[in-house]
Protein backbone atom coordinates (compact mmCIF):
# COMPACT_ATOMS: atom_id res chain seq x y z
CA UNK A 1 6.51 -1.57 -49.22
CA UNK A 2 9.08 1.21 -48.77
CA UNK A 3 11.93 0.96 -46.29
CA UNK A 4 10.30 3.70 -44.19
CA UNK A 5 6.97 1.87 -44.17
CA UNK A 6 8.66 -1.41 -43.29
CA UNK A 7 10.51 0.28 -40.45
CA UNK A 8 7.30 1.81 -39.10
CA UNK A 9 5.49 -1.53 -39.36
CA UNK A 10 8.21 -3.41 -37.51
CA UNK A 11 8.56 -0.82 -34.73
CA UNK A 12 4.81 -0.70 -34.11
CA UNK A 13 4.60 -4.47 -33.74
CA UNK A 14 7.62 -4.95 -31.52
CA UNK A 15 6.98 -5.05 -27.76
CA UNK A 16 8.60 -2.15 -25.93
CA UNK A 17 12.14 -2.77 -24.72
CA UNK A 18 11.02 -2.14 -21.13
CA UNK A 19 9.91 -5.80 -20.89
CA UNK A 20 13.55 -6.86 -21.28
CA UNK A 21 14.32 -5.11 -17.99
CA UNK A 22 12.16 -7.47 -15.93
CA UNK A 23 14.33 -9.49 -13.56
CA UNK A 24 18.10 -9.42 -12.96
CA UNK A 25 17.53 -7.13 -10.00
CA UNK A 26 20.38 -6.12 -7.67
CA UNK A 27 21.05 -7.66 -4.26
CA UNK A 28 22.68 -5.68 -1.45
CA UNK A 29 23.61 -6.30 2.17
CA UNK A 30 21.88 -4.60 5.10
CA UNK A 31 24.51 -2.63 7.00
CA UNK A 32 22.75 -0.44 9.56
CA UNK A 33 20.35 -2.84 11.29
CA UNK A 34 21.13 -5.24 14.10
CA UNK A 35 21.16 -8.59 12.31
CA UNK A 36 22.59 -10.65 15.16
CA UNK A 37 25.31 -13.04 13.95
CA UNK A 38 23.88 -13.12 10.43
CA UNK A 39 24.53 -11.36 7.15
CA UNK A 40 21.20 -10.16 5.75
CA UNK A 41 20.76 -9.34 2.07
CA UNK A 42 17.91 -7.61 0.24
CA UNK A 43 16.87 -8.52 -3.29
CA UNK A 44 15.72 -5.18 -4.75
CA UNK A 45 12.61 -6.21 -6.66
CA UNK A 46 11.50 -2.58 -6.56
CA UNK A 47 13.94 -2.13 -9.47
CA UNK A 48 11.62 -3.95 -11.88
CA UNK A 49 9.84 -1.74 -14.47
CA UNK A 50 6.61 -1.23 -12.48
CA UNK A 51 8.50 -1.37 -9.18
CA UNK A 52 7.52 -4.87 -8.06
CA UNK A 53 8.53 -8.54 -7.98
CA UNK A 54 5.19 -9.28 -9.66
CA UNK A 55 6.49 -8.10 -13.04
CA UNK A 56 8.26 -11.45 -13.28
CA UNK A 57 5.13 -13.56 -12.91
CA UNK A 58 2.94 -11.21 -14.96
CA UNK A 59 5.10 -11.65 -18.05
CA UNK A 60 5.49 -15.39 -17.45
CA UNK A 61 1.75 -16.01 -17.04
CA UNK A 62 0.76 -14.02 -20.11
CA UNK A 63 3.36 -15.70 -22.32
CA UNK A 64 2.35 -19.13 -21.02
CA UNK A 65 -1.30 -18.37 -21.85
CA UNK A 66 -0.30 -17.30 -25.35
CA UNK A 67 1.64 -20.53 -25.90
CA UNK A 68 -1.24 -22.64 -24.59
CA UNK A 69 -3.85 -20.83 -26.69
CA UNK A 70 -5.74 -19.54 -23.64
CA UNK A 71 -5.05 -15.95 -24.69
CA UNK A 72 -5.46 -14.97 -28.33
CA UNK A 73 -5.12 -11.67 -30.21
CA UNK A 74 -8.00 -9.39 -29.25
CA UNK A 75 -8.52 -11.21 -25.97
CA UNK A 76 -9.09 -9.69 -22.54
CA UNK A 77 -6.81 -10.31 -19.57
CA UNK A 78 -8.74 -10.45 -16.28
CA UNK A 79 -7.18 -10.73 -12.85
CA UNK A 80 -7.95 -10.36 -9.16
CA UNK A 81 -5.02 -8.53 -7.65
CA UNK A 82 -3.83 -6.59 -4.63
CA UNK A 83 -2.29 -4.17 -7.10
CA UNK A 84 1.24 -5.25 -7.99
CA UNK A 85 0.37 -8.24 -10.17
CA UNK A 86 -2.14 -5.94 -11.81
CA UNK A 87 0.58 -3.40 -12.53
CA UNK A 88 2.79 -6.01 -14.15
CA UNK A 89 -0.12 -7.40 -16.16
CA UNK A 90 -1.18 -3.89 -17.24
CA UNK A 91 2.34 -3.21 -18.50
CA UNK A 92 2.46 -6.50 -20.41
CA UNK A 93 -1.08 -6.05 -21.75
CA UNK A 94 -0.25 -2.58 -23.03
CA UNK A 95 2.92 -3.88 -24.64
CA UNK A 96 1.11 -6.75 -26.35
CA UNK A 97 -2.13 -4.96 -27.23
CA UNK A 98 -4.61 -6.75 -24.95
CA UNK A 99 -7.57 -5.29 -23.12
CA UNK A 100 -7.18 -5.77 -19.37
CA UNK A 101 -9.66 -5.68 -16.47
CA UNK A 102 -8.32 -5.70 -12.93
CA UNK A 103 -10.49 -6.52 -9.91
CA UNK A 104 -8.93 -4.79 -6.89
CA UNK A 105 -9.99 -4.76 -3.22
CA UNK A 106 -10.85 -1.27 -2.00
CA UNK A 107 -8.09 -1.17 0.63
CA UNK A 108 -5.42 -0.78 -2.04
CA UNK A 109 -3.40 2.43 -2.25
CA UNK A 110 -4.53 5.15 -4.64
CA UNK A 111 -1.04 5.22 -6.17
CA UNK A 112 -1.42 1.63 -7.40
CA UNK A 113 -4.91 2.26 -8.75
CA UNK A 114 -3.83 5.43 -10.55
CA UNK A 115 -0.82 3.62 -12.00
CA UNK A 116 -2.77 0.72 -13.52
CA UNK A 117 -5.35 3.12 -14.95
CA UNK A 118 -2.58 5.20 -16.50
CA UNK A 119 -1.32 2.02 -18.19
CA UNK A 120 -4.76 1.57 -19.74
CA UNK A 121 -6.31 -0.98 -17.39
CA UNK A 122 -9.99 -1.00 -16.50
CA UNK A 123 -10.43 -1.18 -12.72
CA UNK A 124 -13.30 -2.79 -10.84
CA UNK A 125 -13.09 -2.02 -7.11
CA UNK A 126 -14.57 -4.59 -4.74
CA UNK A 127 -15.03 -4.92 -1.02
CA UNK A 128 -12.01 -5.84 1.11
CA UNK A 129 -14.13 -6.89 4.10
CA UNK A 130 -15.52 -10.12 2.62
CA UNK A 131 -14.00 -13.58 2.19
CA UNK A 132 -14.13 -16.36 -0.38
CA UNK A 133 -17.61 -17.41 -1.39
CA UNK A 134 -19.11 -13.94 -1.04
CA UNK A 135 -20.30 -12.61 -4.43
CA UNK A 136 -18.23 -9.44 -3.93
CA UNK A 137 -15.00 -11.25 -3.07
CA UNK A 138 -12.43 -10.01 -5.57
CA UNK A 139 -11.33 -13.42 -6.89
CA UNK A 140 -14.93 -14.56 -7.37
CA UNK A 141 -15.73 -11.34 -9.23
CA UNK A 142 -12.75 -11.84 -11.56
CA UNK A 143 -13.68 -15.45 -12.30
CA UNK A 144 -17.26 -14.40 -13.07
CA UNK A 145 -16.10 -11.67 -15.47
CA UNK A 146 -13.88 -14.14 -17.34
CA UNK A 147 -16.91 -16.38 -17.93
CA UNK A 148 -19.06 -13.47 -19.12
CA UNK A 149 -16.59 -11.73 -21.46
CA UNK A 150 -15.87 -13.43 -24.82
CA UNK A 151 -12.15 -14.07 -25.17
CA UNK A 152 -11.62 -13.41 -21.48
CA UNK A 153 -8.62 -15.05 -19.82
CA UNK A 154 -8.66 -15.26 -16.02
CA UNK A 155 -5.00 -15.21 -15.04
CA UNK A 156 -5.64 -16.60 -11.52
CA UNK A 157 -2.16 -16.08 -10.12
CA UNK A 158 -3.16 -18.14 -7.06
CA UNK A 159 -3.34 -21.37 -9.08
CA UNK A 160 -1.48 -20.54 -12.29
CA UNK A 161 1.56 -22.87 -12.58
CA UNK A 162 3.50 -20.23 -14.55
CA UNK A 163 3.64 -18.14 -11.36
CA UNK A 164 5.98 -20.33 -9.26
CA UNK A 165 7.80 -21.42 -12.41
CA UNK A 166 8.85 -17.81 -13.02
CA UNK A 167 10.62 -17.73 -9.65
CA UNK A 168 12.06 -21.21 -10.07
CA UNK A 169 13.60 -20.19 -13.39
CA UNK A 170 14.60 -16.58 -12.71
CA UNK A 171 14.50 -15.32 -9.11
CA UNK A 172 16.06 -18.42 -7.57
CA UNK A 173 18.98 -18.72 -10.00
CA UNK A 174 19.70 -14.98 -9.66
CA UNK A 175 19.91 -15.22 -5.87
CA UNK A 176 22.05 -18.37 -6.10
CA UNK A 177 24.61 -16.67 -8.32
CA UNK A 178 24.56 -13.32 -6.51
CA UNK A 179 25.13 -15.09 -3.17
CA UNK A 180 27.94 -17.19 -4.71
CA UNK A 181 26.09 -20.39 -3.85
CA UNK A 182 26.11 -19.59 -0.12
CA UNK A 183 22.49 -19.17 1.04
CA UNK A 184 21.25 -20.48 4.38
CA UNK A 185 17.75 -19.00 4.57
CA UNK A 186 15.27 -17.00 2.52
CA UNK A 187 12.47 -15.01 4.19
CA UNK A 188 9.33 -14.72 2.06
CA UNK A 189 5.72 -13.67 2.33
CA UNK A 190 2.81 -15.51 0.77
CA UNK A 191 0.23 -13.73 -1.32
CA UNK A 192 -0.28 -16.08 -4.23
CA UNK A 193 2.43 -18.49 -3.05
CA UNK A 194 4.53 -18.27 -6.20
CA UNK A 195 7.69 -16.94 -4.58
CA UNK A 196 7.68 -19.52 -1.77
CA UNK A 197 7.02 -22.46 -4.06
CA UNK A 198 9.30 -21.43 -6.91
CA UNK A 199 12.24 -20.70 -4.62
CA UNK A 200 11.54 -23.79 -2.55
CA UNK A 201 11.72 -25.99 -5.63
CA UNK A 202 14.87 -24.33 -6.92
CA UNK A 203 16.86 -24.45 -3.68
CA UNK A 204 15.80 -28.01 -2.86
CA UNK A 205 17.25 -28.99 -6.23
CA UNK A 206 20.55 -27.05 -6.13
CA UNK A 207 21.24 -27.63 -2.43
CA UNK A 208 19.48 -30.91 -1.58
CA UNK A 209 21.67 -32.04 1.33
CA UNK A 210 22.32 -28.89 3.37
CA UNK A 211 19.08 -27.26 2.31
CA UNK A 212 17.95 -23.64 2.38
CA UNK A 213 15.46 -22.69 5.09
CA UNK A 214 12.29 -21.06 3.77
CA UNK A 215 11.01 -18.72 6.47
CA UNK A 216 7.52 -17.21 6.31
CA UNK A 217 6.78 -13.65 7.44
CA UNK A 218 3.01 -13.29 7.69
CA UNK A 219 0.78 -10.34 8.65
CA UNK A 220 -1.24 -10.65 11.84
CA UNK A 221 -4.77 -11.52 10.72
CA UNK A 222 -3.65 -13.85 7.93
CA UNK A 223 -4.29 -17.55 8.49
CA UNK A 224 -0.95 -18.79 7.15
CA UNK A 225 1.18 -18.32 10.26
CA UNK A 226 -1.25 -20.39 12.32
CA UNK A 227 -1.42 -23.01 9.56
CA UNK A 228 2.37 -23.42 9.67
CA UNK A 229 2.53 -23.54 13.46
CA UNK A 230 -0.50 -25.72 14.22
CA UNK A 231 -1.79 -27.16 10.93
CA UNK A 232 -5.17 -25.60 11.69
CA UNK A 233 -7.22 -23.27 9.53
CA UNK A 234 -8.40 -20.40 11.72
CA UNK A 235 -10.77 -17.57 10.92
CA UNK A 236 -9.02 -14.73 9.13
CA UNK A 237 -8.78 -11.28 10.64
CA UNK A 238 -7.93 -8.06 8.87
CA UNK A 239 -4.61 -6.40 8.09
CA UNK A 240 -3.48 -3.26 6.30
CA UNK A 241 -0.28 -4.55 4.70
CA UNK A 242 -0.83 -5.05 0.98
CA UNK A 243 0.08 -7.97 -1.23
CA UNK A 244 0.80 -10.71 1.32
CA UNK A 245 -1.24 -12.66 3.83
CA UNK A 246 -4.30 -14.69 2.96
CA UNK A 247 -7.62 -15.96 4.27
CA UNK A 248 -7.03 -19.31 2.51
CA UNK A 249 -4.07 -21.45 1.45
CA UNK A 250 -3.47 -20.70 -2.25
CA UNK A 251 -3.11 -23.65 -4.61
CA UNK A 252 0.30 -22.32 -5.63
CA UNK A 253 1.57 -22.20 -2.03
CA UNK A 254 3.47 -25.37 -1.17
CA UNK A 255 3.59 -24.77 2.58
CA UNK A 256 5.71 -27.89 3.10
CA UNK A 257 8.72 -25.80 2.14
CA UNK A 258 8.24 -23.51 5.17
CA UNK A 259 10.65 -24.32 8.01
CA UNK A 260 9.71 -21.47 10.37
CA UNK A 261 7.26 -18.59 10.51
CA UNK A 262 6.91 -15.20 12.16
CA UNK A 263 3.74 -13.21 12.69
CA UNK A 264 4.22 -9.48 12.10
CA UNK A 265 1.56 -6.91 12.97
CA UNK A 266 0.82 -3.90 10.77
CA UNK A 267 2.43 -1.37 13.09
CA UNK A 268 5.71 -3.32 13.12
CA UNK A 269 5.62 -3.69 9.33
CA UNK A 270 5.07 0.00 8.72
CA UNK A 271 7.62 1.09 11.31
CA UNK A 272 10.24 -1.26 9.84
CA UNK A 273 9.63 -0.06 6.29
CA UNK A 274 10.01 3.55 7.43
CA UNK A 275 13.16 2.63 9.34
CA UNK A 276 14.55 0.95 6.21
CA UNK A 277 14.22 4.23 4.35
CA UNK A 278 15.85 6.25 7.13
CA UNK A 279 18.72 3.85 7.80
CA UNK A 280 19.48 2.28 4.43
CA UNK A 281 17.89 4.79 2.04
CA UNK A 282 15.69 2.09 0.49
CA UNK A 283 12.09 3.04 -0.30
CA UNK A 284 10.19 -0.23 0.08
CA UNK A 285 6.50 -1.00 0.34
CA UNK A 286 4.39 -2.32 3.19
CA UNK A 287 5.10 -6.01 2.56
CA UNK A 288 8.81 -5.17 2.55
CA UNK A 289 8.37 -4.03 6.13
CA UNK A 290 6.76 -7.36 7.01
CA UNK A 291 9.53 -9.39 5.39
CA UNK A 292 12.34 -7.30 6.86
CA UNK A 293 10.80 -7.42 10.35
CA UNK A 294 10.52 -11.21 10.05
CA UNK A 295 14.06 -11.53 8.71
CA UNK A 296 15.45 -9.43 11.57
CA UNK A 297 13.66 -11.60 14.14
CA UNK A 298 15.00 -14.72 12.48
CA UNK A 299 18.55 -13.38 12.31
CA UNK A 300 18.60 -12.21 15.92
CA UNK A 301 17.48 -15.64 17.12
CA UNK A 302 20.42 -17.41 15.50
CA UNK A 303 23.47 -18.54 17.48
CA UNK A 304 25.68 -19.16 14.44
CA UNK A 305 26.39 -16.93 11.43
CA UNK A 306 24.04 -17.43 8.48
CA UNK A 307 23.60 -15.79 5.11
CA UNK A 308 19.98 -14.74 4.80
CA UNK A 309 18.06 -13.20 1.89
CA UNK A 310 14.75 -11.38 1.83
CA UNK A 311 13.04 -9.01 -0.58
CA UNK A 312 12.18 -5.39 -1.17
CA UNK A 313 9.00 -6.64 -2.83
CA UNK A 314 7.88 -3.34 -4.28
CA UNK A 315 8.52 0.37 -4.21
CA UNK A 316 7.37 2.61 -1.39
CA UNK A 317 6.33 5.14 -4.03
CA UNK A 318 3.03 3.25 -4.04
CA UNK A 319 2.41 4.01 -0.35
CA UNK A 320 3.28 7.70 -0.04
CA UNK A 321 -0.37 8.45 0.76
CA UNK A 322 -0.48 5.66 3.33
CA UNK A 323 2.32 4.37 5.55
CA UNK A 324 4.72 7.18 4.61
CA UNK A 325 2.04 9.77 5.37
CA UNK A 326 2.15 10.80 9.04
CA UNK A 327 -1.50 11.90 9.06
CA UNK A 328 -2.69 8.58 7.58
CA UNK A 329 -0.61 6.73 10.18
CA UNK A 330 -2.28 8.78 12.93
CA UNK A 331 -5.76 8.26 11.46
CA UNK A 332 -5.23 4.50 11.39
CA UNK A 333 -3.85 4.43 14.93
CA UNK A 334 -0.32 3.37 13.95
CA UNK A 335 1.31 6.50 15.31
CA UNK A 336 1.16 6.41 19.07
CA UNK A 337 0.74 9.82 20.65
CA UNK A 338 0.58 10.42 24.36
CA UNK A 339 -3.15 10.38 25.19
CA UNK A 340 -4.56 13.23 27.24
CA UNK A 341 -8.06 11.88 27.82
CA UNK A 342 -9.68 14.99 26.35
CA UNK A 343 -10.67 16.51 23.02
CA UNK A 344 -7.05 17.04 22.00
CA UNK A 345 -6.85 13.28 21.39
CA UNK A 346 -9.24 13.77 18.44
CA UNK A 347 -6.97 16.28 16.68
CA UNK A 348 -5.25 14.60 13.74
CA UNK A 349 -3.40 17.66 12.46
CA UNK A 350 -1.52 19.44 15.24
CA UNK A 351 -0.71 23.10 14.66
CA UNK A 352 2.36 23.16 16.88
CA UNK A 353 3.87 20.29 14.87
CA UNK A 354 3.34 22.07 11.54
CA UNK A 355 0.64 19.65 10.39
CA UNK A 356 -2.15 22.21 9.88
CA UNK A 357 -2.46 23.84 6.45
CA UNK A 358 -3.40 27.50 6.97
CA UNK A 359 -3.77 30.75 5.07
CA UNK A 360 -3.16 34.34 6.13
CA UNK A 361 -5.83 37.07 5.97
CA UNK A 362 -3.93 38.85 3.17
CA UNK A 363 -3.49 35.70 1.05
CA UNK A 364 -5.66 35.51 -2.07
CA UNK A 365 -8.68 33.28 -2.52
CA UNK A 366 -6.73 31.55 -5.30
CA UNK A 367 -4.05 30.64 -2.76
CA UNK A 368 -6.65 29.37 -0.30
CA UNK A 369 -8.36 27.24 -2.95
CA UNK A 370 -5.04 25.78 -4.15
CA UNK A 371 -4.08 24.80 -0.61
CA UNK A 372 -7.47 23.16 -0.04
CA UNK A 373 -7.02 21.06 -3.16
CA UNK A 374 -3.43 20.13 -2.37
CA UNK A 375 -4.29 19.11 1.20
CA UNK A 376 -7.62 17.50 0.19
CA UNK A 377 -9.60 19.52 2.75
CA UNK A 378 -12.69 21.70 2.41
CA UNK A 379 -11.76 24.43 4.89
CA UNK A 380 -8.68 26.19 6.26
CA UNK A 381 -8.03 28.15 9.43
CA UNK A 382 -6.97 31.73 8.83
CA UNK A 383 -3.98 32.59 11.01
CA UNK A 384 -2.46 36.06 11.30
CA UNK A 385 1.23 36.93 11.69
CA UNK A 386 1.05 36.58 15.49
CA UNK A 387 -0.16 32.95 15.23
CA UNK A 388 -3.71 33.82 16.28
CA UNK A 389 -6.68 32.18 14.52
CA UNK A 390 -8.84 34.99 13.16
CA UNK A 391 -11.20 33.06 10.89
CA UNK A 392 -12.17 30.02 8.88
CA UNK A 393 -12.54 29.91 5.12
CA UNK A 394 -14.21 27.04 3.29
CA UNK A 395 -15.15 26.17 -0.26
CA UNK A 396 -18.57 27.80 -0.01
CA UNK A 397 -17.00 31.10 1.14
CA UNK A 398 -14.76 31.06 -1.92
CA UNK A 399 -17.60 30.09 -4.26
CA UNK A 400 -19.83 32.93 -3.05
CA UNK A 401 -17.12 35.45 -3.95
CA UNK A 402 -16.04 34.10 -7.33
CA UNK A 403 -19.05 32.52 -9.01
CA UNK A 404 -20.07 35.77 -10.73
CA UNK A 405 -16.56 36.95 -11.51
CA UNK A 406 -13.53 34.66 -11.55
CA UNK A 407 -11.23 37.68 -11.17
CA UNK A 408 -12.33 37.76 -7.51
CA UNK A 409 -9.94 34.88 -6.92
CA UNK A 410 -7.48 37.74 -6.44
CA UNK A 411 -9.48 39.06 -3.46
CA UNK A 412 -8.02 38.71 0.02
CA UNK A 413 -9.04 35.83 2.26
CA UNK A 414 -9.83 38.27 5.07
CA UNK A 415 -12.74 39.68 3.06
CA UNK A 416 -14.34 36.28 2.47
CA UNK A 417 -13.63 34.29 5.63
CA UNK A 418 -16.01 33.61 8.49
CA UNK A 419 -14.85 35.28 11.69
CA UNK A 420 -17.61 33.81 13.85
CA UNK A 421 -15.51 31.04 15.30
CA UNK A 422 -16.57 27.99 17.27
CA UNK A 423 -13.82 27.42 19.82
CA UNK A 424 -13.67 24.65 22.39
CA UNK A 425 -11.27 23.97 25.22
CA UNK A 426 -9.65 20.52 25.39
CA UNK A 427 -11.79 19.84 28.46
CA UNK A 428 -15.06 20.20 26.48
CA UNK A 429 -17.34 17.20 26.04
CA UNK A 430 -18.30 15.24 22.95
CA UNK A 431 -21.79 16.73 23.25
CA UNK A 432 -20.24 20.21 22.88
CA UNK A 433 -18.42 19.01 19.77
CA UNK A 434 -21.61 17.59 18.27
CA UNK A 435 -23.30 20.90 18.89
CA UNK A 436 -20.66 22.66 16.82
CA UNK A 437 -21.21 20.17 14.00
CA UNK A 438 -24.99 20.66 14.21
CA UNK A 439 -24.41 24.35 13.55
CA UNK A 440 -22.49 23.48 10.38
CA UNK A 441 -19.09 24.49 11.74
CA UNK A 442 -15.75 22.90 12.54
CA UNK A 443 -14.38 23.04 16.07
CA UNK A 444 -11.27 25.12 16.78
CA UNK A 445 -9.56 23.69 19.84
CA UNK A 446 -7.82 26.33 21.94
CA UNK A 447 -5.80 25.79 25.08
CA UNK A 448 -6.09 29.30 26.45
CA UNK A 449 -4.64 31.48 23.67
CA UNK A 450 -2.81 28.56 22.05
CA UNK A 451 -4.28 27.09 18.87
CA UNK A 452 -4.03 23.28 19.02
CA UNK A 453 -5.88 22.28 15.83
CA UNK A 454 -9.26 21.66 14.23
CA UNK A 455 -11.71 18.83 14.78
CA UNK A 456 -14.00 17.93 11.90
CA UNK A 457 -16.72 15.31 11.55
CA UNK A 458 -14.19 13.10 9.77
CA UNK A 459 -11.76 13.41 12.68
CA UNK A 460 -14.43 12.31 15.13
CA UNK A 461 -15.44 9.38 12.91
CA UNK A 462 -11.80 8.29 12.59
CA UNK A 463 -11.39 8.44 16.36
CA UNK A 464 -14.53 6.40 16.97
CA UNK A 465 -13.47 3.77 14.44
CA UNK A 466 -10.05 3.42 16.06
CA UNK A 467 -11.71 2.86 19.41
CA UNK A 468 -14.52 0.53 18.34
CA UNK A 469 -13.63 -2.31 20.75
CA UNK A 470 -13.42 0.02 23.69
CA UNK A 471 -16.00 1.79 25.83
CA UNK A 472 -18.06 4.59 24.30
CA UNK A 473 -15.90 7.63 23.67
CA UNK A 474 -18.20 9.91 25.70
CA UNK A 475 -17.27 7.94 28.83
CA UNK A 476 -13.62 8.99 28.51
CA UNK A 477 -14.49 12.65 28.79
CA UNK A 478 -17.25 12.48 31.41
């Protein structure tokens, strides 16, 4: 074999150097939040290669399976994941040449799903509104696939002993050295339980007498907060934060390490994560908001100075379409706007706040189509230079003009738009709105001569879903 061939052979069979960058993440102090008498530090796990603390356990669990013979060359890695463990596993699988199938609940962000697919993973989306024992529950689906696929290895991060061991051997020692052996409390979340258990084991060993408090921050709807406080298993609710909170106590979660717990609702988590970006310049994910909110509550309750650590669990890049998107926040009811008790409450994109994507009559059809695709909408209001709505253009209007001759994309919007507008005052009733929809139109809400925004079928459905527990929406406007 020539030297060139030998070099090519060795480079093709070496794992990429990116795996060597897992772990050894920086730790910094929070400086612009009120932390009471405490010093609060953030372990920046978003600095791992796929932007998450789960890179640590993904590599550890795959290498443990290789050593134990559970995963052999040509095998298939299978995992149920909220996204981040899947990202780490997809990176490791690509590096080591394994096929990987990830079973992901359908509430996960599109950024995570696109990322794992780009790494070569096969994705099976499952329902996020079912619990253990249901055939569509994501962990049950993953376990079933592992039985059906020859050479399949079900990672099962929730019970895999390599998960907490990764934190016991890497995350814990890193924090210990970075904090110069002065740690009073660590605030964690529980998804699989690996972080809690691994850190609990490590700190109980290196600081057995004084101890390190392990504080749980848990999303409202998860059962773990109530389990810590009362020892009772309650029925799980729902929550939008990704990656932490559970409807069962994972095998890997040694809850005896938990000394205190805080329940954090979704709105507080999202608001705190957004505040972290504004104040400290740190782009963290939704679970980061939960942990930071819990850590701040803990710190502010203290009467003596303590040195407290929590985590930026993953990067906020994975949530740009969700909690960092103002429209998504409004759709989900996390952005509180002053209610008016009329149709204006149904408007998600407000024109006066610059949230409505528009075109001008002299823009081209190509411009209109590009803006529709970018904004993921099927129609745009046409607004002239005085701010007056003069028409609506939708995909069918564009298609009629260009399907015979693509050069007509250069035609002006004003020659293709519909100028027969359906306008409603804010005082109009839901029945008036439904009438507009029955005629195949969208409603343009006008307060006198002032354009407030559009209401589509989707906007009405989003409003009704946000108000499900309340009285029928028609009653509010009667």
